[in-house]
Every structure is written in structure tokens, then in C-alpha cells.
Amino acid sequence: MVPGDVGYGDMTVGTNSSPGAAEAAGAPGLATVSQLAGPVARVPVQQPAGACAPPPQAGPVGPAGAGPEAADGHGEFAGLGIDPDDLPDGLVIADATGRVICFNSAAARITALVAGEALGVGIERALPLEDLEGRRWWGLTDPYGGLAIRRGQPERNLLLPGGREVLVSARYVRTHPTGPVRRLVVTLRGTEARQRTERSHAELIATVAHELRSPLTSVKGFTATLLAKWERFTDDQKRLMLETVDADANRVTRLIAELLDISRIDSGRLEVRRQPVDISTAVGRHVQALTANGQAPERFLVSVSRPLPDCWADPDKIDQILGNLLENAVRHGEGTVTIDVAPTSFANAAGKTEKGTAVTVTDEGPGIPEESVGRVFTRFWRGSKRGGTGLGLYIVKGIVEAHGGTIKVGRGPGGGAEFRFILPVAAPAYLTQ
């Protein structure tokens, strides 16, 4: 790296400052920046968005060996034509004396501080960070006077005055491994994304606790009653209690399976064990199960367009998809539930046309409101009616995409909800080699 350049990811930025600016700020270190560093692009201190110390020359100056055009813009990184204000994360750079020489617009937005007022100020004053226990972070880390072998600080959650949370990481730039710190490069990120993740996890825990409490209470109550008063109940009463316990145990098992599926989907570890699958047979099996549980046979209309292409998929996962979609259609929809199975072609994730099998499940109910369509496959979406965990369709989408397929939701011809998923042929790799 050229002396005076600061590493930021794969980019380098040179810094410079005019003697006049240093004198005005009362910072002797700024007057020597031009001797220590390569040039930085020119940004007026008064600019409200982001600010970097201006160069000492009237014209733009590039890095050593480069022409003037190498740094000819607002706060551009030397030789790369990149403005610090274009960076998605906050960037704060301090020189060898700890004075701030760059404070980009993202840093100003994240910290709610004025960028121009930070220039020439000590990093401790410009960015008064504290840890979660209220200790001054710069005093704890001591970037300029600490161990000479340290290269920086990993990202951590810190606080600004007023309790504003920011994610901060730092890089110590030295001319040689154990030399003094020439530049302190600090990156800032907001905590909104992390807070959304934490809220999602909290919602998941609350949902799981609620869904587990009801069946476990039932299981505990009936088993305790049977153990304490077995002789007082008739055989029919015992059978009813045991059937209830069995159903609640199945409910708990399903919930645990859903949680495991969510964990695998979120981590990208959902395994798909592909086997030849007859989609039309699987559909017929689910319809028979629903009619056996009390649904009227005439409520279901199954249409299969043959010949269907061969489909290699995980049969258990396909059962999960069909079970969720048909149960939703029966529970939340009205009228006839139509299941259409047909061959199709679709564009895969790589944009290539691929053959597959399309399954469309349509009901004649009120359908899904237009404003909710974009949230159907998110966690905890339950539509207009309460019931269930709200995780089924999220899992369905994850399973379909793990197979390399697609799924969409819309409004059917009769006004009800229409779910359409497509599974590619996708033979196992050992058969296509």
C-alpha cells in the first residue's frame, strides 16, 4: 500500500489537508497530513451531507504516478473515482494525531451528527462512543497508545449520547506491522436490520410458547386425570381422553417439525432427497385423506393434464407442500377446491427455460386482499382469520425453492385464492452425468 493510503475493503483512500485548515482548527497534526499521506479528493467542509479535509492544491491531484484525473471529484477515492458519500456504510477517518479528516454522509445519517463540524476535531469528541455499560469506548480501546500489534476492533454494538445505538468496527493503519497508527478508519452501521431480526426471533419464541402451551396443558391434564381416577371412567371415556392426548401430541410433533424446517431454511441447510414422484397420485392421496376426515368428496375437483414429465423430488417435502395448500384452501376458502396438475415450462433462477410440473390449488372463498399478497409467504402471516402458527406458507415457499422451483399466489377465476407452484424435472446428478 502506498504510504498514507488507508485500506477500506478492497479500496484505498489517500488523505490530505491544507495548512490553513489545520491552523484554523488548532490541530497541528492536520498540517502534516500532506507529508504523511497521498491526496484525498476535495470536499468542502461546509457540505452538510459528508465532509473530508480539502487538499492543499488548487487542482486535483492523483496518487503517485497518476495524472490529475485520478482524483477529480467530490471526495473521491484516489484512482478509483468513488465518492465516500456513495458508500453504504458510515466512514470516519482520523489522522495520526486522532483528528477527524473524513466523515461521510452515511456516518452523518447514522449518528445524526453534522459532518462539517466533525472535521479537525478529535475522534473522541467527534464520535463520543460508549459501550453498553456506559464506559468510554475510545479510552478502553486506546487505538493510538495501545498495543502496537493490534490491527483494529471487530464490529460491536455501541452507544452515542442519547442512547442511539450503532454498530462500530475500526481498522488501525500502520506503515509497518508494529509502527505507530497513521490512520484510524472507523465504519458505522445502523442497528435497524439487527433489531428486525431480534424482533422476528422474539415473535417466533412467543408463537412457539403459545402453540406448545395449549396442547401440553391438555396432555398433562388428561394423563393426570386418568392416572388418578382410572377406575371411575368408562372405556369410552378413556378412549376419548387418549384420542385427545394423541391428537395434541401430534400437534406438538408438527410444531417441532416446523421449527426444524424453519431453522434449515434460514441457514440454507434444507436437504432434499430426490426420488421419482408421481404428483397426481400424491394429490389424490391428500384428497382422499381430507374426505376421510369429513370433507364432502364433491368439494374437490382434480384435473390432470397428461403426459406429465418425470419429476424427481423429495416425497415427504411434496406431501408437506400439498398438505399445507389443501388445508388452507379447505379451512380458509369456500366452495369447490380445484387442483390442476399440468406440464409446463418456466425460467429457473439462472434465467434458463426448464421443463417442470405445475400444480395449481384454487378455492372460491373471499381470496387474499391485494395489500396482503406480498406478505403471504412471510412468517406469521395468518390472513384475516386467526389460527395456526402462520409458518406453513413460509415453509412451503422454502421447500419449493429448495427444489429449484417457484411459487406464486394470486386470485382465482372464482375470486378465491390461487396458489401455483412449479417443480422442475431435476433428475439427480448421477443420472445426468
Protein backbone atom coordinates (compact mmCIF):
# COMPACT_ATOMS: atom_id res chain seq x y z
CA MET A 1 0.00 0.00 0.00
CA VAL A 2 1.31 3.50 -0.77
CA PRO A 3 2.28 5.30 2.47
CA GLY A 4 -0.62 7.39 3.65
CA ASP A 5 -3.24 5.28 1.92
CA VAL A 6 -5.99 3.79 4.03
CA GLY A 7 -7.41 0.34 3.33
CA TYR A 8 -11.23 0.15 3.24
CA GLY A 9 -12.33 -3.24 1.95
CA ASP A 10 -10.76 -3.57 -1.47
CA MET A 11 -10.44 0.20 -1.89
CA THR A 12 -7.73 2.66 -0.83
CA VAL A 13 -8.21 6.25 0.09
CA GLY A 14 -5.49 8.89 0.42
CA THR A 15 -5.89 11.83 2.80
CA ASN A 16 -4.50 15.32 2.74
CA SER A 17 -5.15 18.69 4.37
CA SER A 18 -4.11 22.25 3.83
CA PRO A 19 -2.01 24.10 6.44
CA GLY A 20 -4.67 26.81 6.61
CA ALA A 21 -7.34 24.34 7.60
CA ALA A 22 -5.08 22.89 10.27
CA GLU A 23 -4.31 26.28 11.76
CA ALA A 24 -7.97 27.23 11.80
CA ALA A 25 -8.83 24.03 13.65
CA GLY A 26 -5.91 24.34 16.01
CA ALA A 27 -4.74 20.86 15.03
CA PRO A 28 -1.01 20.68 14.17
CA GLY A 29 -1.48 17.12 13.02
CA LEU A 30 -3.63 18.23 10.10
CA ALA A 31 -0.81 20.46 8.78
CA THR A 32 1.44 17.44 8.42
CA VAL A 33 -1.10 15.17 6.75
CA SER A 34 0.15 16.15 3.29
CA GLN A 35 3.61 14.96 4.25
CA LEU A 36 2.32 11.64 5.55
CA ALA A 37 -0.33 10.74 3.05
CA GLY A 38 -1.32 10.66 -0.56
CA PRO A 39 -4.01 13.05 -1.81
CA VAL A 40 -7.68 12.94 -0.93
CA ALA A 41 -10.42 14.28 -3.16
CA ARG A 42 -11.77 17.69 -2.39
CA VAL A 43 -14.89 18.08 -0.26
CA PRO A 44 -15.84 21.48 1.22
CA VAL A 45 -16.01 21.39 4.99
CA GLN A 46 -19.36 23.20 4.90
CA GLN A 47 -21.06 20.46 2.90
CA PRO A 48 -23.95 19.19 5.07
CA ALA A 49 -24.05 15.60 3.79
CA GLY A 50 -20.50 14.30 4.20
CA ALA A 51 -17.15 16.02 4.51
CA CYS A 52 -13.46 15.28 4.07
CA ALA A 53 -10.49 17.56 4.57
CA PRO A 54 -9.69 19.52 1.36
CA PRO A 55 -6.37 19.04 -0.48
CA PRO A 56 -3.65 21.70 -0.33
CA GLN A 57 -3.53 22.27 -4.09
CA ALA A 58 -5.94 24.18 -6.29
CA GLY A 59 -6.17 21.40 -8.84
CA PRO A 60 -6.99 17.75 -8.31
CA VAL A 61 -4.06 15.53 -7.53
CA GLY A 62 -3.89 11.81 -8.09
CA PRO A 63 -1.75 9.17 -6.39
CA ALA A 64 1.91 8.82 -7.21
CA GLY A 65 2.38 8.14 -10.88
CA ALA A 66 -1.18 9.09 -11.76
CA GLY A 67 -2.41 12.11 -13.67
CA PRO A 68 -4.69 14.84 -12.32
CA GLU A 69 -7.74 12.94 -13.50
CA ALA A 70 -7.11 10.25 -10.84
CA ALA A 71 -8.84 12.30 -8.15
CA ASP A 72 -11.07 14.76 -9.88
CA GLY A 73 -14.31 14.80 -7.94
CA HIS A 74 -16.17 15.28 -4.72
CA GLY A 75 -14.42 13.18 -2.04
CA GLU A 76 -13.35 10.50 -4.50
CA PHE A 77 -11.12 7.63 -3.51
CA ALA A 78 -7.74 8.11 -5.21
CA GLY A 79 -7.60 6.46 -8.59
CA LEU A 80 -10.98 4.70 -8.25
CA GLY A 81 -13.46 7.50 -8.87
CA ILE A 82 -15.53 6.51 -5.81
CA ASP A 83 -17.06 9.13 -3.57
CA PRO A 84 -17.09 8.33 0.18
CA ASP A 85 -20.70 9.51 0.21
CA ASP A 86 -21.53 6.63 -2.15
CA LEU A 87 -20.54 4.03 0.45
CA PRO A 88 -23.50 2.25 2.07
CA ASP A 89 -21.84 2.30 5.49
CA GLY A 90 -20.66 5.22 7.56
CA LEU A 91 -16.96 6.08 7.14
CA VAL A 92 -14.94 8.14 9.60
CA ILE A 93 -11.17 8.59 9.18
CA ALA A 94 -8.82 10.14 11.72
CA ASP A 95 -5.18 11.05 11.05
CA ALA A 96 -2.06 10.19 13.02
CA THR A 97 -2.95 12.66 15.78
CA GLY A 98 -6.54 11.45 16.17
CA ARG A 99 -8.16 14.39 14.31
CA VAL A 100 -11.07 13.59 12.02
CA ILE A 101 -10.27 14.18 8.34
CA CYS A 102 -13.23 12.38 6.72
CA PHE A 103 -16.86 11.99 7.82
CA ASN A 104 -19.11 10.75 5.02
CA SER A 105 -22.84 11.29 4.60
CA ALA A 106 -23.79 7.79 5.78
CA ALA A 107 -21.89 8.44 9.03
CA ALA A 108 -23.78 11.72 9.43
CA ARG A 109 -27.10 9.96 8.84
CA ILE A 110 -26.38 7.06 11.18
CA THR A 111 -25.05 9.20 14.03
CA ALA A 112 -27.34 12.22 13.47
CA LEU A 113 -24.22 14.42 13.72
CA VAL A 114 -23.17 17.27 11.44
CA ALA A 115 -20.31 16.12 9.23
CA GLY A 116 -18.71 19.54 8.74
CA GLU A 117 -18.48 20.15 12.47
CA ALA A 118 -16.57 16.89 12.99
CA LEU A 119 -13.62 17.80 10.76
CA GLY A 120 -10.48 18.74 12.67
CA VAL A 121 -11.98 17.56 15.96
CA GLY A 122 -10.50 14.72 17.99
CA ILE A 123 -12.11 11.37 17.30
CA GLU A 124 -13.17 11.10 20.94
CA ARG A 125 -15.17 14.35 20.69
CA ALA A 126 -16.44 13.84 17.14
CA LEU A 127 -17.62 10.29 17.89
CA PRO A 128 -18.24 10.01 21.65
CA LEU A 129 -18.93 6.30 21.82
CA GLU A 130 -19.74 4.29 24.93
CA ASP A 131 -20.16 0.57 25.45
CA LEU A 132 -23.38 -0.92 26.81
CA GLU A 133 -22.06 -0.50 30.37
CA GLY A 134 -21.52 3.24 29.96
CA ARG A 135 -17.73 3.18 29.63
CA ARG A 136 -15.97 5.44 27.11
CA TRP A 137 -15.00 3.19 24.23
CA TRP A 138 -12.00 5.17 23.00
CA GLY A 139 -10.48 5.06 26.46
CA LEU A 140 -10.92 1.30 26.58
CA THR A 141 -9.52 0.60 23.10
CA ASP A 142 -6.81 3.32 23.03
CA PRO A 143 -6.01 2.94 19.30
CA TYR A 144 -3.02 5.31 19.33
CA GLY A 145 -1.40 4.29 22.60
CA GLY A 146 -2.34 0.62 22.91
CA LEU A 147 -0.52 -2.48 21.75
CA ALA A 148 1.41 -1.88 18.55
CA ILE A 149 0.46 -5.29 17.14
CA ARG A 150 -3.28 -4.59 17.07
CA ARG A 151 -4.85 -4.12 13.64
CA GLY A 152 -8.32 -2.99 14.64
CA GLN A 153 -11.53 -3.74 16.51
CA PRO A 154 -14.27 -6.19 15.43
CA GLU A 155 -17.81 -4.95 14.98
CA ARG A 156 -19.71 -4.35 18.18
CA ASN A 157 -22.83 -2.58 19.42
CA LEU A 158 -22.02 0.84 20.95
CA LEU A 159 -23.98 3.87 22.09
CA LEU A 160 -23.86 7.54 21.17
CA PRO A 161 -25.08 10.30 23.52
CA GLY A 162 -28.81 9.96 23.98
CA GLY A 163 -28.71 6.17 23.72
CA ARG A 164 -28.54 5.95 19.93
CA GLU A 165 -27.18 2.50 19.01
CA VAL A 166 -24.63 1.98 16.24
CA LEU A 167 -22.55 -0.96 15.04
CA VAL A 168 -18.89 0.09 15.00
CA SER A 169 -15.72 -1.55 13.69
CA ALA A 170 -12.25 0.00 13.38
CA ARG A 171 -9.07 -0.57 11.40
CA TYR A 172 -5.64 0.68 12.51
CA VAL A 173 -3.46 1.56 9.51
CA ARG A 174 0.29 1.47 10.16
CA THR A 175 3.30 1.97 7.87
CA HIS A 176 4.76 -1.28 9.19
CA PRO A 177 3.29 -4.00 11.44
CA THR A 178 4.39 -2.54 14.79
CA GLY A 179 4.64 1.12 13.80
CA PRO A 180 2.50 3.97 15.06
CA VAL A 181 -1.08 4.33 13.86
CA ARG A 182 -1.08 6.51 10.74
CA ARG A 183 -4.81 6.36 10.12
CA LEU A 184 -7.79 5.24 12.14
CA VAL A 185 -10.58 4.04 9.84
CA VAL A 186 -13.97 3.58 11.53
CA THR A 187 -17.03 2.10 9.84
CA LEU A 188 -20.54 2.61 11.18
CA ARG A 189 -23.76 0.74 10.53
CA GLY A 190 -27.26 1.23 11.85
CA THR A 191 -28.88 -1.37 14.07
CA GLU A 192 -32.25 -1.47 12.30
CA ALA A 193 -31.58 -4.77 10.48
CA ARG A 194 -30.35 -6.44 13.65
CA GLN A 195 -33.37 -5.17 15.58
CA ARG A 196 -35.71 -6.56 12.93
CA THR A 197 -34.00 -9.94 13.24
CA GLU A 198 -34.26 -9.84 17.01
CA ARG A 199 -37.96 -8.93 16.81
CA SER A 200 -38.52 -11.81 14.41
CA HIS A 201 -36.82 -14.22 16.80
CA ALA A 202 -38.85 -12.86 19.71
CA GLU A 203 -42.08 -13.33 17.74
CA LEU A 204 -41.06 -16.88 16.88
CA ILE A 205 -40.35 -17.70 20.53
CA ALA A 206 -43.65 -16.17 21.64
CA THR A 207 -45.56 -18.08 18.96
CA VAL A 208 -43.89 -21.36 19.85
CA ALA A 209 -44.54 -20.85 23.56
CA HIS A 210 -48.22 -20.12 22.89
CA GLU A 211 -48.70 -23.03 20.50
CA LEU A 212 -46.94 -25.51 22.79
CA ARG A 213 -48.71 -24.44 25.97
CA SER A 214 -52.21 -25.37 24.82
CA PRO A 215 -51.60 -29.00 23.73
CA LEU A 216 -49.18 -29.72 26.57
CA THR A 217 -51.73 -28.44 29.09
CA SER A 218 -54.29 -30.79 27.59
CA VAL A 219 -51.89 -33.74 27.59
CA LYS A 220 -50.88 -33.09 31.19
CA GLY A 221 -54.48 -32.66 32.35
CA PHE A 222 -55.86 -35.81 30.74
CA THR A 223 -52.95 -38.05 31.71
CA ALA A 224 -53.03 -36.82 35.33
CA THR A 225 -56.78 -37.39 35.47
CA LEU A 226 -56.52 -40.91 34.05
CA LEU A 227 -53.73 -41.85 36.42
CA ALA A 228 -55.57 -40.55 39.45
CA LYS A 229 -59.09 -41.79 38.65
CA TRP A 230 -58.67 -44.61 36.14
CA GLU A 231 -61.38 -46.82 37.67
CA ARG A 232 -64.04 -44.10 37.62
CA PHE A 233 -64.14 -43.76 33.82
CA THR A 234 -65.83 -45.97 31.30
CA ASP A 235 -63.91 -47.42 28.39
CA ASP A 236 -65.48 -44.91 26.01
CA GLN A 237 -64.41 -42.01 28.24
CA LYS A 238 -60.88 -43.39 28.46
CA ARG A 239 -60.72 -43.77 24.71
CA LEU A 240 -61.88 -40.18 24.16
CA MET A 241 -59.24 -38.85 26.56
CA LEU A 242 -56.48 -40.92 24.98
CA GLU A 243 -57.53 -39.84 21.48
CA THR A 244 -57.33 -36.21 22.61
CA VAL A 245 -53.88 -36.79 24.09
CA ASP A 246 -52.77 -38.46 20.85
CA ALA A 247 -54.06 -35.56 18.72
CA ASP A 248 -52.34 -32.97 20.93
CA ALA A 249 -49.10 -34.96 20.86
CA ASN A 250 -49.29 -34.96 17.05
CA ARG A 251 -49.82 -31.19 17.14
CA VAL A 252 -46.67 -30.73 19.22
CA THR A 253 -44.74 -33.00 16.87
CA ARG A 254 -45.86 -30.98 13.85
CA LEU A 255 -44.84 -27.71 15.52
CA ILE A 256 -41.39 -29.05 16.34
CA ALA A 257 -41.02 -30.27 12.75
CA GLU A 258 -41.99 -26.78 11.51
CA LEU A 259 -39.37 -25.17 13.74
CA LEU A 260 -36.70 -27.52 12.45
CA ASP A 261 -37.72 -26.77 8.86
CA ILE A 262 -37.54 -23.02 9.52
CA SER A 263 -34.07 -23.40 11.02
CA ARG A 264 -32.87 -25.37 7.99
CA ILE A 265 -34.46 -22.95 5.52
CA ASP A 266 -32.95 -19.88 7.20
CA SER A 267 -29.49 -21.45 7.33
CA GLY A 268 -29.67 -22.90 3.79
CA ARG A 269 -29.36 -26.46 5.10
CA LEU A 270 -32.72 -27.85 3.99
CA GLU A 271 -31.91 -31.24 2.47
CA VAL A 272 -33.86 -32.54 -0.50
CA ARG A 273 -33.67 -36.30 -1.07
CA ARG A 274 -34.84 -36.67 -4.63
CA GLN A 275 -36.82 -39.71 -5.76
CA PRO A 276 -39.24 -40.28 -8.62
CA VAL A 277 -42.54 -38.70 -7.53
CA ASP A 278 -45.97 -39.03 -9.15
CA ILE A 279 -47.55 -35.67 -8.35
CA SER A 280 -51.06 -36.68 -9.46
CA THR A 281 -51.02 -39.72 -7.17
CA ALA A 282 -49.85 -37.58 -4.26
CA VAL A 283 -52.70 -35.13 -4.89
CA GLY A 284 -55.25 -37.96 -4.96
CA ARG A 285 -53.90 -39.32 -1.69
CA HIS A 286 -54.33 -35.97 0.07
CA VAL A 287 -57.86 -35.52 -1.28
CA GLN A 288 -58.81 -38.98 0.00
CA ALA A 289 -57.42 -38.13 3.44
CA LEU A 290 -59.49 -34.93 3.58
CA THR A 291 -62.69 -36.72 2.56
CA ALA A 292 -61.99 -39.43 5.14
CA ASN A 293 -61.81 -36.67 7.77
CA GLY A 294 -65.30 -35.43 6.94
CA GLN A 295 -64.96 -33.20 3.88
CA ALA A 296 -67.53 -33.77 1.14
CA PRO A 297 -66.00 -35.56 -1.88
CA GLU A 298 -67.83 -33.26 -4.30
CA ARG A 299 -65.97 -30.28 -2.85
CA PHE A 300 -62.76 -31.34 -4.64
CA LEU A 301 -62.12 -31.20 -8.37
CA VAL A 302 -58.85 -32.72 -9.59
CA SER A 303 -57.68 -32.09 -13.15
CA VAL A 304 -54.55 -33.79 -14.53
CA SER A 305 -53.15 -32.99 -17.97
CA ARG A 306 -51.06 -35.86 -19.25
CA PRO A 307 -48.42 -36.78 -20.12
CA LEU A 308 -46.61 -35.27 -17.15
CA PRO A 309 -42.81 -35.01 -17.22
CA ASP A 310 -40.81 -37.17 -14.86
CA CYS A 311 -40.37 -35.41 -11.54
CA TRP A 312 -37.56 -36.10 -9.10
CA ALA A 313 -38.34 -34.59 -5.70
CA ASP A 314 -38.44 -35.36 -2.01
CA PRO A 315 -41.77 -37.18 -1.48
CA ASP A 316 -42.06 -36.15 2.17
CA LYS A 317 -41.48 -32.49 1.28
CA ILE A 318 -44.04 -32.69 -1.54
CA ASP A 319 -46.56 -34.03 0.97
CA GLN A 320 -45.82 -31.03 3.18
CA ILE A 321 -46.49 -28.64 0.30
CA LEU A 322 -49.73 -30.29 -0.77
CA GLY A 323 -50.92 -30.74 2.82
CA ASN A 324 -50.44 -27.07 3.65
CA LEU A 325 -52.02 -25.72 0.47
CA LEU A 326 -55.06 -28.03 0.56
CA GLU A 327 -55.61 -27.49 4.29
CA ASN A 328 -55.53 -23.72 3.76
CA ALA A 329 -57.99 -23.98 0.88
CA VAL A 330 -60.39 -26.08 2.95
CA ARG A 331 -60.06 -24.06 6.15
CA HIS A 332 -59.99 -20.50 4.79
CA GLY A 333 -61.65 -20.92 1.40
CA GLU A 334 -65.17 -21.73 0.33
CA GLY A 335 -66.92 -23.66 -2.41
CA THR A 336 -65.07 -26.06 -4.69
CA VAL A 337 -61.35 -26.61 -4.25
CA THR A 338 -59.78 -27.18 -7.66
CA ILE A 339 -56.38 -28.88 -8.02
CA ASP A 340 -54.89 -28.68 -11.50
CA VAL A 341 -51.75 -30.64 -12.40
CA ALA A 342 -50.17 -29.92 -15.78
CA PRO A 343 -46.82 -29.93 -17.60
CA THR A 344 -45.21 -26.54 -18.10
CA SER A 345 -42.03 -24.67 -18.90
CA PHE A 346 -40.58 -21.95 -16.69
CA ALA A 347 -37.50 -19.79 -16.26
CA ASN A 348 -35.27 -21.08 -13.48
CA ALA A 349 -33.07 -18.99 -11.19
CA ALA A 350 -30.36 -18.86 -13.87
CA GLY A 351 -32.86 -17.48 -16.41
CA LYS A 352 -32.87 -20.66 -18.50
CA THR A 353 -36.08 -22.31 -19.67
CA GLU A 354 -36.72 -25.59 -17.93
CA LYS A 355 -39.45 -28.23 -18.06
CA GLY A 356 -41.49 -28.95 -14.99
CA THR A 357 -44.83 -29.79 -13.43
CA ALA A 358 -47.22 -27.05 -12.32
CA VAL A 359 -49.73 -27.62 -9.51
CA THR A 360 -52.47 -25.01 -9.00
CA VAL A 361 -54.75 -25.02 -5.95
CA THR A 362 -57.76 -22.69 -6.21
CA ASP A 363 -60.74 -22.11 -3.94
CA GLU A 364 -63.88 -19.99 -4.23
CA GLY A 365 -63.58 -18.06 -1.00
CA PRO A 366 -63.01 -14.33 -0.43
CA GLY A 367 -59.41 -14.58 -1.60
CA ILE A 368 -56.39 -12.70 -0.32
CA PRO A 369 -56.55 -8.90 -0.10
CA GLU A 370 -54.36 -7.15 -2.64
CA GLU A 371 -52.37 -5.38 0.07
CA SER A 372 -51.52 -8.72 1.73
CA VAL A 373 -50.28 -10.63 -1.32
CA GLY A 374 -46.69 -9.58 -0.74
CA ARG A 375 -46.75 -10.92 2.83
CA VAL A 376 -48.38 -14.30 2.24
CA PHE A 377 -45.09 -16.25 2.31
CA THR A 378 -43.63 -14.42 5.30
CA ARG A 379 -43.51 -15.75 8.83
CA PHE A 380 -46.62 -15.49 11.00
CA TRP A 381 -48.95 -14.38 8.20
CA ARG A 382 -52.41 -15.69 9.04
CA GLY A 383 -54.67 -13.70 6.76
CA SER A 384 -58.00 -12.41 8.01
CA LYS A 385 -58.69 -15.42 10.23
CA ARG A 386 -56.69 -16.41 13.25
CA GLY A 387 -55.50 -19.93 13.78
CA GLY A 388 -52.35 -21.92 13.22
CA THR A 389 -48.80 -20.72 13.65
CA GLY A 390 -48.63 -18.71 10.43
CA LEU A 391 -45.49 -20.63 9.46
CA GLY A 392 -46.91 -23.10 6.93
CA LEU A 393 -46.71 -20.98 3.78
CA TYR A 394 -43.24 -19.72 4.73
CA ILE A 395 -42.11 -23.35 4.90
CA VAL A 396 -43.89 -24.19 1.63
CA LYS A 397 -42.00 -21.45 -0.18
CA GLY A 398 -38.70 -22.61 1.30
CA ILE A 399 -39.31 -26.22 0.22
CA VAL A 400 -40.33 -25.26 -3.32
CA GLU A 401 -37.25 -23.06 -3.75
CA ALA A 402 -35.02 -25.79 -2.30
CA HIS A 403 -36.24 -27.97 -5.18
CA GLY A 404 -35.32 -25.23 -7.66
CA GLY A 405 -38.96 -24.36 -8.31
CA THR A 406 -41.16 -21.30 -7.97
CA ILE A 407 -44.43 -20.50 -6.17
CA LYS A 408 -46.86 -17.62 -6.62
CA VAL A 409 -50.16 -16.53 -5.17
CA GLY A 410 -52.97 -14.67 -6.87
CA ARG A 411 -56.71 -14.52 -7.36
CA GLY A 412 -58.51 -17.44 -8.97
CA PRO A 413 -61.25 -17.29 -11.62
CA GLY A 414 -63.92 -17.55 -8.92
CA GLY A 415 -62.40 -14.80 -6.81
CA GLY A 416 -60.74 -17.07 -4.27
CA ALA A 417 -57.06 -17.60 -3.53
CA GLU A 418 -54.93 -19.35 -6.14
CA PHE A 419 -51.57 -20.91 -5.26
CA ARG A 420 -49.43 -22.17 -8.13
CA PHE A 421 -46.10 -23.90 -7.66
CA ILE A 422 -43.82 -25.40 -10.28
CA LEU A 423 -41.31 -28.19 -9.70
CA PRO A 424 -38.56 -28.83 -12.25
CA VAL A 425 -37.79 -32.28 -13.64
CA ALA A 426 -34.44 -32.12 -11.80
CA ALA A 427 -33.10 -35.64 -12.07
CA PRO A 428 -30.32 -36.47 -9.60
CA ALA A 429 -26.82 -35.52 -10.71
CA TYR A 430 -25.62 -39.12 -11.02
CA LEU A 431 -28.28 -39.80 -13.66
CA THR A 432 -27.37 -36.75 -15.79
CA GLN A 433 -23.61 -37.33 -15.93
